[in-house]
Amino acid sequence: MKIIPLGGLEQIGMNITAFEYEDSIVVVDCGLAFPEDDMPGIDLVIPDITYLKENISKVKGFVITHGHEDHIGALPYVLKEVNAPIYSTKLTLALISNKLKEHNLTKTTKLKEVKHGQVINLGDFAIEFIKTNHSIQDASALAIYSPVGIVVHTGDFKVDYTPVFGDAIDLQRFAEIGRKGVLALMCDSTNAERPGFTMSERTVGHVFDNLFNEYKTARIIIATFASNVDRVQQIINTAYRFGRKVAVEGRSMVNVITTAAELGYLRVPDQTLIEIDQVKNYPDEQLVLITTGSQGESMAALSRMAANIHKKITIKPNDAIIFSSHPIPGNEKAVSKVINELSMKGAKVIFQDAHVSGHACQEEIKLIYSLVKPKYAIPVHGEYRHLTAQKLVAEELGYSKDNIFILKSGNVLEIDENSAAVTGSVHTGAILVDGLGVGDVGNIVLRDRQHLSEDGIMIVVMTLERHSNVVLAGPDIVSRGFVYVRESEDLMDHAREVVELALDGCLDKGITDWSKIKAAVKDALSDYVWKRTKRSPMILPIIMEA
């Protein structure tokens, strides 16, 4: 069997892994990543699935562990290229179905609901869904039965003995599968650096009780992840006990809450939820707002409130604002900016203790290893340091270095009862989504965007006569993002002279090839600008003929 991660290793997000045996490929998860700082203008990043397109006849289906964006977000883009049925649990499928509606893919895609404990047959594989806990309902681990042995894939998980909704993780099933003999364990590494256990989601409920007690007269605004249905449930429970009305703001939050409530994963007491428009009809001490924007995203509801550009909610000095989340690595700056803006408006900002993680810490990872007892360990989900941290945990448990594989995206791990080895690699990468364009922005366009954002642009326009190449007009120089022209007339005048000299030089030599003229003008101008300003703007010479 081949295990081929096509994304999600050495990064947080974009999880997608292909399992291949002879003529069958099963794809586990299909997520997106959010753009990094060096990707100006990019909205989303999705995995490059060239390998699946090349082997499309083998692809039997997508099996999805849970409904977070980094596991389902790329589906609408990937299904346009590789259309295969999708198998998952109830809430996950409902969230996927919402996404497919936006992309008009509902009619062409088969969605198959699977319950925990059920086994589905896909080609040479049989896949069993096992109940786990995470910061979204209906998360599953997978037992992948293949002709060479069983692989257990934990998905994103934590061990929560007192979940807010539904049952605790099915540790008994992990143990039963462990007794059958497990070839490999692919285990979530996101929190592998943290010792101890992850706290139960329910502990956050007690924190909310205390905060609501403390801020009895304030309007309370809570920012959290839209997908954390249990967190929303606890906020609603506490609000109900304290006689407060709840309003929900932020598109993704409204979507998830509506879906979860329809499917019965969220229980809302009558007359508790109110529309955002009705907020002005209630006094502050009777209100709770649940909003998106806990990561400082510039367009999310909380950021718009902080920047005073939200149409319906204005932050007031008496407000208590609770961040019920941790900044995802890389978002710290954006979050502290929002906290500063909120504090300047006189609001009280609370961000400690109102969050627990949805990922397993070291002791839970050890628990899963000791139940499953795999022959090989393959840490997944996380940056290199997280994967290494899990490798160290596995070594502590007595696994030999030779049986632990830290893979890179694209590696092909061939594995059977007797051996496992990385035998090659397939093409993988990131495809950038900008607006409606998928993949039309590549490295060169990004490099240009960075160049423009750092140094600006100078455009040189000249008009030449068609055959004789006599200069009829220009050269004129227009610049954007380079210098403020009115204060730098001297610089621009000299630049024009430099261009004229270069142009004359070309014509004196009888050069008629326009590309050579453009190159000469560009070189002369960039040399001059660099000497004068130590900057190198992008230079675009344009020749028009008359």
Protein backbone atom coordinates (compact mmCIF):
# COMPACT_ATOMS: atom_id res chain seq x y z
CA MET A 1 0.00 0.00 0.00
CA LYS A 2 1.13 3.52 -0.74
CA ILE A 3 0.44 6.41 1.65
CA ILE A 4 0.86 9.73 -0.16
CA PRO A 5 0.29 13.00 1.75
CA LEU A 6 -0.58 15.63 -0.88
CA GLY A 7 -0.64 18.47 1.69
CA GLY A 8 -0.91 19.24 5.39
CA LEU A 9 2.59 18.22 6.47
CA GLU A 10 5.11 20.85 7.57
CA GLN A 11 2.23 23.33 7.73
CA ILE A 12 -1.04 23.87 9.58
CA GLY A 13 -3.94 23.39 7.19
CA MET A 14 -4.44 21.96 3.67
CA ASN A 15 -4.79 18.38 4.95
CA ILE A 16 -5.16 15.79 2.19
CA THR A 17 -3.75 12.25 2.00
CA ALA A 18 -4.13 9.57 -0.65
CA PHE A 19 -4.13 5.86 0.24
CA GLU A 20 -3.43 3.65 -2.79
CA TYR A 21 -3.48 -0.10 -3.29
CA GLU A 22 -3.32 -1.49 -6.87
CA ASP A 23 -6.38 0.03 -8.63
CA SER A 24 -7.93 1.86 -5.66
CA ILE A 25 -7.23 5.30 -4.25
CA VAL A 26 -9.09 6.64 -1.24
CA VAL A 27 -8.53 10.31 -0.35
CA VAL A 28 -8.75 11.31 3.30
CA ASP A 29 -9.71 14.99 3.84
CA CYS A 30 -9.38 17.81 1.35
CA GLY A 31 -8.64 21.09 3.09
CA LEU A 32 -7.40 24.58 2.37
CA ALA A 33 -4.77 26.75 4.03
CA PHE A 34 -4.96 30.47 4.65
CA PRO A 35 -2.51 32.71 2.78
CA GLU A 36 0.80 33.66 4.38
CA ASP A 37 2.12 37.20 4.77
CA ASP A 38 4.14 36.91 1.57
CA MET A 39 1.05 36.25 -0.58
CA PRO A 40 -0.45 39.71 -1.22
CA GLY A 41 -4.04 39.60 -2.47
CA ILE A 42 -4.45 35.82 -2.19
CA ASP A 43 -7.71 34.61 -0.59
CA LEU A 44 -7.08 30.88 -0.11
CA VAL A 45 -4.47 28.24 -0.81
CA ILE A 46 -5.56 24.78 -2.02
CA PRO A 47 -3.51 21.64 -2.67
CA ASP A 48 -2.21 20.72 -6.11
CA ILE A 49 -3.97 17.45 -6.97
CA THR A 50 -2.19 16.65 -10.25
CA TYR A 51 -1.52 13.15 -8.92
CA LEU A 52 -5.25 12.46 -8.43
CA LYS A 53 -6.10 13.86 -11.88
CA GLU A 54 -3.49 11.57 -13.47
CA ASN A 55 -5.00 8.56 -11.64
CA ILE A 56 -8.62 9.65 -11.74
CA SER A 57 -9.89 6.19 -12.73
CA LYS A 58 -8.57 4.78 -9.43
CA VAL A 59 -10.14 7.41 -7.13
CA LYS A 60 -12.99 5.70 -5.27
CA GLY A 61 -14.02 8.54 -2.99
CA PHE A 62 -13.21 11.24 -0.46
CA VAL A 63 -13.48 10.30 3.20
CA ILE A 64 -13.71 13.34 5.47
CA THR A 65 -12.83 13.22 9.19
CA HIS A 66 -14.57 16.46 10.30
CA GLY A 67 -15.99 19.77 9.11
CA HIS A 68 -13.17 22.27 9.63
CA GLU A 69 -11.99 24.41 6.71
CA ASP A 70 -8.50 22.87 6.78
CA HIS A 71 -10.16 19.49 6.06
CA ILE A 72 -13.12 20.36 3.77
CA GLY A 73 -12.31 23.81 2.34
CA ALA A 74 -10.73 22.71 -0.94
CA LEU A 75 -13.51 20.26 -1.88
CA PRO A 76 -15.47 22.67 -4.15
CA TYR A 77 -12.29 23.35 -6.16
CA VAL A 78 -11.03 19.76 -6.25
CA LEU A 79 -14.40 18.22 -7.18
CA LYS A 80 -14.43 20.25 -10.40
CA GLU A 81 -11.32 18.28 -11.42
CA VAL A 82 -11.84 14.96 -9.65
CA ASN A 83 -15.50 14.15 -9.09
CA ALA A 84 -15.86 11.29 -6.61
CA PRO A 85 -18.41 10.50 -3.88
CA ILE A 86 -17.87 12.04 -0.43
CA TYR A 87 -18.34 9.97 2.73
CA SER A 88 -18.67 11.54 6.16
CA THR A 89 -20.80 12.06 9.26
CA LYS A 90 -24.01 14.07 9.41
CA LEU A 91 -22.84 17.55 10.48
CA THR A 92 -19.69 17.37 8.34
CA LEU A 93 -21.79 16.51 5.26
CA ALA A 94 -24.21 19.36 5.99
CA LEU A 95 -21.31 21.85 6.12
CA ILE A 96 -19.83 20.41 2.91
CA SER A 97 -23.24 20.62 1.26
CA ASN A 98 -23.46 24.35 2.18
CA LYS A 99 -20.12 24.88 0.43
CA LEU A 100 -21.18 22.95 -2.67
CA LYS A 101 -24.35 25.06 -2.94
CA GLU A 102 -22.24 28.21 -3.23
CA HIS A 103 -20.30 26.61 -6.10
CA ASN A 104 -23.37 25.03 -7.81
CA LEU A 105 -21.99 21.51 -7.37
CA THR A 106 -24.86 19.98 -5.38
CA LYS A 107 -26.41 18.08 -8.29
CA THR A 108 -23.17 16.57 -9.57
CA THR A 109 -21.73 15.39 -6.25
CA LYS A 110 -22.73 12.27 -4.32
CA LEU A 111 -22.79 12.80 -0.56
CA LYS A 112 -23.04 9.63 1.56
CA GLU A 113 -23.75 9.87 5.28
CA VAL A 114 -21.85 7.46 7.54
CA LYS A 115 -22.51 6.81 11.23
CA HIS A 116 -19.79 6.15 13.79
CA GLY A 117 -19.06 2.43 13.91
CA GLN A 118 -20.13 1.90 10.31
CA VAL A 119 -17.77 0.40 7.71
CA ILE A 120 -17.82 1.41 4.03
CA ASN A 121 -16.19 -0.51 1.18
CA LEU A 122 -14.23 1.49 -1.40
CA GLY A 123 -12.36 -0.66 -3.92
CA ASP A 124 -9.66 -2.64 -2.12
CA PHE A 125 -10.21 -0.68 1.09
CA ALA A 126 -12.77 -0.87 3.88
CA ILE A 127 -13.02 2.18 6.11
CA GLU A 128 -14.49 2.31 9.60
CA PHE A 129 -15.50 5.58 11.26
CA ILE A 130 -14.62 5.81 14.97
CA LYS A 131 -16.12 8.44 17.30
CA THR A 132 -13.63 11.06 18.59
CA ASN A 133 -13.86 14.47 20.26
CA HIS A 134 -12.66 17.73 18.71
CA SER A 135 -13.66 21.39 18.74
CA ILE A 136 -16.42 20.57 16.23
CA GLN A 137 -19.13 17.92 16.51
CA ASP A 138 -19.12 14.61 14.64
CA ALA A 139 -15.34 14.28 14.33
CA SER A 140 -14.09 10.82 13.40
CA ALA A 141 -10.95 8.78 13.38
CA LEU A 142 -10.64 6.24 10.58
CA ALA A 143 -9.58 2.61 10.61
CA ILE A 144 -8.46 1.91 7.06
CA TYR A 145 -8.50 -1.83 6.34
CA SER A 146 -6.30 -2.78 3.39
CA PRO A 147 -5.04 -6.12 2.05
CA VAL A 148 -1.67 -5.49 3.80
CA GLY A 149 -3.00 -4.41 7.19
CA ILE A 150 -4.86 -1.76 9.16
CA VAL A 151 -3.90 1.92 9.24
CA VAL A 152 -5.51 4.07 11.94
CA HIS A 153 -5.84 7.78 11.09
CA THR A 154 -6.91 9.81 14.13
CA GLY A 155 -8.07 12.94 12.27
CA ASP A 156 -7.94 16.00 14.55
CA PHE A 157 -8.84 14.79 18.02
CA LYS A 158 -8.66 15.19 21.77
CA VAL A 159 -9.82 12.89 24.56
CA ASP A 160 -12.79 14.53 26.27
CA TYR A 161 -14.52 12.39 28.91
CA THR A 162 -17.18 15.07 29.57
CA PRO A 163 -18.08 16.51 26.15
CA VAL A 164 -20.80 19.16 25.99
CA PHE A 165 -22.83 17.23 23.43
CA GLY A 166 -22.89 13.53 22.55
CA ASP A 167 -20.55 10.78 23.72
CA ALA A 168 -16.92 10.67 24.72
CA ILE A 169 -14.28 9.34 22.32
CA ASP A 170 -14.70 5.59 21.67
CA LEU A 171 -11.46 4.44 23.32
CA GLN A 172 -12.81 0.89 23.54
CA ARG A 173 -12.94 0.64 19.74
CA PHE A 174 -9.35 1.91 19.44
CA ALA A 175 -8.31 -0.86 21.84
CA GLU A 176 -10.26 -3.55 19.95
CA ILE A 177 -8.65 -2.55 16.66
CA GLY A 178 -5.28 -2.44 18.45
CA ARG A 179 -5.77 -6.06 19.49
CA LYS A 180 -6.28 -7.10 15.85
CA GLY A 181 -2.83 -5.70 15.08
CA VAL A 182 -2.33 -2.28 13.52
CA LEU A 183 0.22 -1.67 10.79
CA ALA A 184 0.53 2.11 11.15
CA LEU A 185 -0.89 4.98 13.21
CA MET A 186 -1.24 8.44 11.69
CA CYS A 187 -1.77 10.68 14.69
CA ASP A 188 -2.61 14.40 15.07
CA SER A 189 0.52 16.36 16.14
CA THR A 190 -0.86 19.90 16.56
CA ASN A 191 -0.34 19.93 20.35
CA ALA A 192 2.42 17.32 20.54
CA GLU A 193 4.75 19.89 22.12
CA ARG A 194 2.45 20.39 25.11
CA PRO A 195 2.78 18.04 28.09
CA GLY A 196 -0.22 16.77 30.03
CA PHE A 197 -3.86 16.52 28.96
CA THR A 198 -6.09 18.96 27.08
CA MET A 199 -8.83 20.29 29.36
CA SER A 200 -12.41 19.26 28.71
CA GLU A 201 -14.54 21.65 26.63
CA ARG A 202 -16.91 21.79 29.59
CA THR A 203 -14.39 23.71 31.76
CA VAL A 204 -14.95 26.74 29.50
CA GLY A 205 -18.60 26.76 30.61
CA HIS A 206 -17.54 27.44 34.23
CA VAL A 207 -15.30 30.29 33.03
CA PHE A 208 -18.26 31.83 31.19
CA ASP A 209 -20.41 31.56 34.35
CA ASN A 210 -17.79 33.49 36.34
CA LEU A 211 -17.37 36.14 33.65
CA PHE A 212 -21.13 36.68 33.27
CA ASN A 213 -21.29 37.07 37.06
CA GLU A 214 -18.47 39.61 37.03
CA TYR A 215 -19.84 41.73 34.16
CA LYS A 216 -23.52 41.78 35.14
CA THR A 217 -24.16 45.30 33.83
CA ALA A 218 -22.03 45.13 30.67
CA ARG A 219 -23.03 44.11 27.18
CA ILE A 220 -20.99 40.95 26.56
CA ILE A 221 -19.44 40.25 23.15
CA ILE A 222 -17.77 36.86 22.66
CA ALA A 223 -15.53 36.10 19.69
CA THR A 224 -14.90 32.45 18.89
CA PHE A 225 -14.47 30.05 15.96
CA ALA A 226 -17.68 29.66 13.99
CA SER A 227 -17.23 25.90 13.81
CA ASN A 228 -17.01 25.35 17.57
CA VAL A 229 -20.65 24.41 18.06
CA ASP A 230 -20.08 23.21 21.65
CA ARG A 231 -18.59 26.57 22.62
CA VAL A 232 -21.62 28.35 21.14
CA GLN A 233 -23.89 25.94 23.02
CA GLN A 234 -22.21 26.80 26.32
CA ILE A 235 -22.46 30.54 25.65
CA ILE A 236 -26.19 30.12 24.89
CA ASN A 237 -26.69 28.01 28.06
CA THR A 238 -24.96 30.60 30.25
CA ALA A 239 -26.82 33.49 28.59
CA TYR A 240 -30.13 31.69 29.19
CA ARG A 241 -29.33 31.13 32.87
CA PHE A 242 -28.45 34.82 33.27
CA GLY A 243 -31.59 35.93 31.41
CA ARG A 244 -29.74 37.41 28.44
CA LYS A 245 -30.73 37.41 24.76
CA VAL A 246 -28.20 36.13 22.21
CA ALA A 247 -27.50 37.69 18.81
CA VAL A 248 -25.18 36.08 16.28
CA GLU A 249 -23.02 38.10 13.88
CA GLY A 250 -20.65 37.00 11.09
CA ARG A 251 -21.64 35.03 7.99
CA SER A 252 -19.76 31.80 8.80
CA MET A 253 -21.12 31.86 12.38
CA VAL A 254 -24.74 32.26 11.20
CA ASN A 255 -24.26 29.43 8.63
CA VAL A 256 -22.83 26.93 11.10
CA ILE A 257 -25.30 27.75 13.89
CA THR A 258 -28.29 27.45 11.54
CA THR A 259 -27.03 24.10 10.19
CA ALA A 260 -26.19 22.70 13.64
CA ALA A 261 -29.54 23.77 15.08
CA GLU A 262 -31.48 22.21 12.17
CA LEU A 263 -29.65 18.88 12.67
CA GLY A 264 -30.15 18.94 16.44
CA TYR A 265 -26.49 19.45 17.39
CA LEU A 266 -27.34 22.76 19.04
CA ARG A 267 -30.21 23.22 21.48
CA VAL A 268 -31.44 26.79 21.72
CA PRO A 269 -34.10 27.60 24.35
CA ASP A 270 -37.13 29.44 22.92
CA GLN A 271 -36.93 33.23 22.69
CA THR A 272 -33.19 33.28 23.43
CA LEU A 273 -31.88 34.04 19.94
CA ILE A 274 -32.64 37.48 18.49
CA GLU A 275 -31.78 39.04 15.15
CA ILE A 276 -28.85 41.47 15.07
CA ASP A 277 -31.30 44.26 14.11
CA GLN A 278 -33.18 43.84 17.40
CA VAL A 279 -30.12 44.45 19.58
CA LYS A 280 -30.94 48.14 19.93
CA ASN A 281 -34.29 47.25 21.58
CA TYR A 282 -32.65 45.67 24.65
CA PRO A 283 -30.59 47.17 27.49
CA ASP A 284 -26.88 46.19 27.63
CA GLU A 285 -27.23 43.90 30.64
CA GLN A 286 -29.66 41.67 28.73
CA LEU A 287 -27.43 41.08 25.68
CA VAL A 288 -24.77 38.67 24.49
CA LEU A 289 -23.27 38.88 21.00
CA ILE A 290 -21.51 35.85 19.52
CA THR A 291 -19.26 36.93 16.67
CA THR A 292 -16.52 35.81 14.29
CA GLY A 293 -13.13 37.50 14.17
CA SER A 294 -11.30 35.85 17.06
CA GLN A 295 -8.21 35.64 14.82
CA GLY A 296 -8.14 39.33 13.93
CA GLU A 297 -9.23 38.68 10.31
CA SER A 298 -9.67 42.11 8.75
CA MET A 299 -13.13 41.48 7.27
CA ALA A 300 -14.61 39.51 10.19
CA ALA A 301 -17.36 41.04 12.31
CA LEU A 302 -15.28 41.84 15.42
CA SER A 303 -12.54 43.58 13.40
CA ARG A 304 -15.18 45.68 11.66
CA MET A 305 -16.63 46.66 15.05
CA ALA A 306 -13.17 47.53 16.35
CA ALA A 307 -12.47 49.69 13.29
CA ASN A 308 -15.86 51.44 13.59
CA ILE A 309 -17.05 50.23 10.19
CA HIS A 310 -19.69 47.76 11.35
CA LYS A 311 -23.14 48.81 10.15
CA LYS A 312 -25.14 47.66 13.18
CA ILE A 313 -22.90 47.40 16.24
CA THR A 314 -20.81 50.18 17.77
CA ILE A 315 -18.40 49.36 20.60
CA LYS A 316 -19.20 51.28 23.80
CA PRO A 317 -17.05 51.92 26.89
CA ASN A 318 -19.18 49.58 29.03
CA ASP A 319 -18.73 46.52 26.76
CA ALA A 320 -16.96 43.36 27.92
CA ILE A 321 -15.32 41.55 25.02
CA ILE A 322 -14.20 37.94 25.52
CA PHE A 323 -11.78 36.24 23.12
CA SER A 324 -12.73 32.58 23.37
CA SER A 325 -9.80 31.33 21.28
CA HIS A 326 -6.01 31.27 21.03
CA PRO A 327 -4.31 33.11 18.17
CA ILE A 328 -3.32 30.60 15.49
CA PRO A 329 0.47 30.85 14.95
CA GLY A 330 1.07 33.81 12.63
CA ASN A 331 -2.09 35.71 13.63
CA GLU A 332 -0.76 37.19 16.87
CA LYS A 333 -0.14 40.64 15.37
CA ALA A 334 -3.61 40.91 13.86
CA VAL A 335 -5.23 39.83 17.12
CA SER A 336 -3.28 42.31 19.25
CA LYS A 337 -4.20 45.09 16.80
CA VAL A 338 -7.91 44.34 17.30
CA ILE A 339 -7.45 44.12 21.09
CA ASN A 340 -5.73 47.55 21.07
CA GLU A 341 -8.48 49.10 18.96
CA LEU A 342 -11.17 47.70 21.27
CA SER A 343 -9.31 48.89 24.38
CA MET A 344 -9.00 52.41 22.91
CA LYS A 345 -12.79 52.55 22.74
CA GLY A 346 -12.90 51.90 26.48
CA ALA A 347 -14.11 48.30 26.27
CA LYS A 348 -12.81 45.65 28.68
CA VAL A 349 -11.05 42.87 26.78
CA ILE A 350 -10.71 39.40 28.37
CA PHE A 351 -8.68 36.71 26.66
CA GLN A 352 -7.27 34.37 29.27
CA ASP A 353 -8.79 31.01 30.22
CA ALA A 354 -11.87 31.33 27.99
CA HIS A 355 -10.57 28.69 25.57
CA VAL A 356 -9.45 25.09 25.50
CA SER A 357 -7.80 23.44 22.55
CA GLY A 358 -9.44 20.83 20.35
CA HIS A 359 -6.19 18.88 19.93
CA ALA A 360 -4.57 16.17 22.02
CA CYS A 361 -1.58 16.93 24.25
CA GLN A 362 1.23 14.45 24.93
CA GLU A 363 -0.57 12.25 27.47
CA GLU A 364 -3.57 11.70 25.14
CA ILE A 365 -1.21 10.92 22.25
CA LYS A 366 0.48 8.32 24.49
CA LEU A 367 -2.94 6.90 25.38
CA ILE A 368 -3.84 6.38 21.71
CA TYR A 369 -0.44 4.79 20.97
CA SER A 370 -0.79 2.39 23.90
CA LEU A 371 -4.31 1.36 22.82
CA VAL A 372 -3.56 1.01 19.11
CA LYS A 373 -0.01 -0.43 19.45
CA PRO A 374 0.96 0.27 15.82
CA LYS A 375 4.02 -1.25 14.16
CA TYR A 376 4.85 2.06 12.42
CA ALA A 377 4.25 5.62 13.58
CA ILE A 378 3.52 8.40 11.06
CA PRO A 379 2.97 11.79 12.76
CA VAL A 380 0.59 14.01 10.73
CA HIS A 381 -1.13 17.43 10.95
CA GLY A 382 1.42 20.03 11.88
CA GLU A 383 4.58 21.93 11.17
CA TYR A 384 7.91 20.11 11.26
CA ARG A 385 8.45 20.95 14.95
CA HIS A 386 5.07 19.42 15.88
CA LEU A 387 5.82 16.24 13.93
CA THR A 388 9.24 15.98 15.63
CA ALA A 389 7.63 16.47 19.04
CA GLN A 390 5.36 13.50 18.38
CA LYS A 391 8.34 11.47 17.15
CA LEU A 392 10.00 12.09 20.55
CA VAL A 393 6.81 11.00 22.35
CA ALA A 394 6.77 7.77 20.30
CA GLU A 395 10.46 7.16 21.08
CA GLU A 396 9.72 7.58 24.80
CA LEU A 397 7.11 4.83 24.39
CA GLY A 398 9.82 2.54 23.04
CA TYR A 399 9.33 2.87 19.26
CA SER A 400 12.59 2.59 17.34
CA LYS A 401 13.63 5.52 15.12
CA ASP A 402 13.45 3.21 12.08
CA ASN A 403 9.73 2.67 12.59
CA ILE A 404 8.79 6.36 12.84
CA PHE A 405 8.33 8.24 9.57
CA ILE A 406 8.26 12.02 9.36
CA LEU A 407 7.01 12.56 5.82
CA LYS A 408 6.97 15.61 3.59
CA SER A 409 4.00 16.43 1.36
CA GLY A 410 4.47 14.45 -1.85
CA ASN A 411 6.46 11.57 -0.32
CA VAL A 412 5.30 8.09 -1.31
CA LEU A 413 5.50 5.75 1.68
CA GLU A 414 5.23 2.12 0.56
CA ILE A 415 4.18 -0.11 3.41
CA ASP A 416 3.27 -3.77 3.99
CA GLU A 417 3.37 -6.35 6.79
CA ASN A 418 7.17 -6.60 6.73
CA SER A 419 8.60 -3.24 5.73
CA ALA A 420 7.98 0.44 5.16
CA ALA A 421 10.07 2.88 3.15
CA VAL A 422 9.78 6.16 1.29
CA THR A 423 10.23 5.06 -2.33
CA GLY A 424 9.71 8.27 -4.27
CA SER A 425 7.67 11.41 -4.50
CA VAL A 426 4.80 12.80 -6.56
CA HIS A 427 4.13 16.35 -7.70
CA THR A 428 2.48 18.46 -4.99
CA GLY A 429 2.26 22.13 -4.26
CA ALA A 430 0.01 25.00 -3.41
CA ILE A 431 -2.51 26.50 -5.82
CA LEU A 432 -3.46 30.07 -5.04
CA VAL A 433 -7.06 31.23 -5.24
CA ASP A 434 -7.61 34.94 -5.87
CA GLY A 435 -11.23 35.98 -6.37
CA LEU A 436 -12.66 33.67 -9.02
CA GLY A 437 -9.22 32.80 -10.42
CA VAL A 438 -7.91 29.41 -9.32
CA GLY A 439 -4.23 28.90 -10.02
CA ASP A 440 -3.87 31.85 -12.39
CA VAL A 441 -1.68 33.61 -9.85
CA GLY A 442 1.65 31.80 -9.74
CA ASN A 443 5.06 32.54 -8.26
CA ILE A 444 5.91 35.06 -10.95
CA VAL A 445 2.73 37.09 -10.39
CA LEU A 446 3.31 36.95 -6.62
CA ARG A 447 6.88 38.11 -7.11
CA ASP A 448 5.62 41.01 -9.21
CA ARG A 449 3.06 41.89 -6.53
CA GLN A 450 5.77 41.91 -3.88
CA HIS A 451 8.06 43.97 -6.10
CA LEU A 452 5.26 46.48 -6.71
CA SER A 453 4.38 46.59 -3.03
CA GLU A 454 8.01 47.21 -2.02
CA ASP A 455 9.34 49.52 -4.75
CA GLY A 456 6.46 50.77 -6.91
CA ILE A 457 6.43 51.10 -10.70
CA MET A 458 7.67 53.53 -13.39
CA ILE A 459 6.08 53.47 -16.82
CA VAL A 460 7.94 55.06 -19.75
CA VAL A 461 5.75 55.88 -22.76
CA MET A 462 7.19 56.95 -26.15
CA THR A 463 5.70 57.22 -29.65
CA LEU A 464 7.85 56.31 -32.68
CA GLU A 465 7.05 56.69 -36.37
CA ARG A 466 6.34 53.34 -37.96
CA HIS A 467 9.20 52.93 -40.46
CA SER A 468 11.73 55.65 -39.73
CA ASN A 469 11.65 55.21 -35.92
CA VAL A 470 11.67 58.99 -35.46
CA VAL A 471 10.54 59.98 -31.95
CA LEU A 472 7.18 61.74 -32.37
CA ALA A 473 6.18 62.13 -28.72
CA GLY A 474 7.64 61.47 -25.29
CA PRO A 475 9.31 59.93 -23.56
CA ASP A 476 6.82 60.51 -20.73
CA ILE A 477 7.34 58.92 -17.35
CA VAL A 478 4.47 57.97 -15.03
CA SER A 479 5.20 56.52 -11.60
CA ARG A 480 3.04 54.90 -8.92
CA GLY A 481 4.17 53.93 -5.45
CA PHE A 482 7.74 55.09 -6.16
CA VAL A 483 8.01 58.78 -5.24
CA TYR A 484 5.49 61.60 -4.90
CA VAL A 485 6.03 63.23 -8.28
CA ARG A 486 5.23 66.84 -7.34
CA GLU A 487 7.99 66.90 -4.74
CA SER A 488 10.49 65.11 -6.97
CA GLU A 489 10.26 67.06 -10.22
CA ASP A 490 14.05 67.32 -10.39
CA LEU A 491 14.42 63.52 -10.16
CA MET A 492 11.75 62.94 -12.82
CA ASP A 493 13.26 65.54 -15.18
CA HIS A 494 16.67 63.90 -14.95
CA ALA A 495 15.08 60.49 -15.44
CA ARG A 496 13.46 61.75 -18.64
CA GLU A 497 16.84 63.01 -19.87
CA VAL A 498 18.42 59.62 -19.14
CA VAL A 499 15.68 57.90 -21.16
CA GLU A 500 16.09 60.36 -24.06
CA LEU A 501 19.85 59.73 -24.14
CA ALA A 502 19.33 55.96 -24.18
CA LEU A 503 16.71 56.27 -26.92
CA ASP A 504 18.89 58.52 -29.05
CA GLY A 505 21.80 56.14 -28.57
CA CYS A 506 19.72 53.28 -29.96
CA LEU A 507 18.46 55.26 -32.95
CA ASP A 508 21.99 56.53 -33.75
CA LYS A 509 23.17 52.94 -33.91
CA GLY A 510 20.29 52.15 -36.25
CA ILE A 511 18.65 49.70 -33.84
CA THR A 512 15.09 49.10 -35.05
CA ASP A 513 14.18 46.12 -32.91
CA TRP A 514 11.73 47.44 -30.33
CA SER A 515 12.54 44.85 -27.71
CA LYS A 516 16.19 45.98 -27.79
CA ILE A 517 15.14 49.62 -27.49
CA LYS A 518 12.95 48.75 -24.51
CA ALA A 519 15.78 46.83 -22.85
CA ALA A 520 18.22 49.73 -23.33
CA VAL A 521 15.73 52.24 -21.89
CA LYS A 522 14.96 49.97 -18.95
CA ASP A 523 18.64 49.37 -18.11
CA ALA A 524 19.57 53.05 -18.33
CA LEU A 525 16.64 54.16 -16.19
CA SER A 526 17.06 51.49 -13.51
CA ASP A 527 20.80 52.32 -13.20
CA TYR A 528 20.02 56.01 -12.79
CA VAL A 529 17.20 55.48 -10.27
CA TRP A 530 19.31 53.07 -8.21
CA LYS A 531 22.20 55.56 -8.05
CA ARG A 532 19.91 58.44 -7.04
CA THR A 533 17.55 56.68 -4.62
CA LYS A 534 18.93 53.19 -3.86
CA ARG A 535 15.54 51.78 -4.95
CA SER A 536 14.67 49.52 -7.82
CA PRO A 537 11.06 50.05 -8.93
CA MET A 538 9.52 47.89 -11.64
CA ILE A 539 10.11 49.64 -14.98
CA LEU A 540 7.73 49.16 -17.91
CA PRO A 541 8.75 50.77 -21.22
CA ILE A 542 5.83 51.13 -23.67
CA ILE A 543 6.39 52.05 -27.33
CA MET A 544 3.46 53.19 -29.46
CA GLU A 545 3.66 53.55 -33.22
CA ALA A 546 2.12 56.32 -35.30
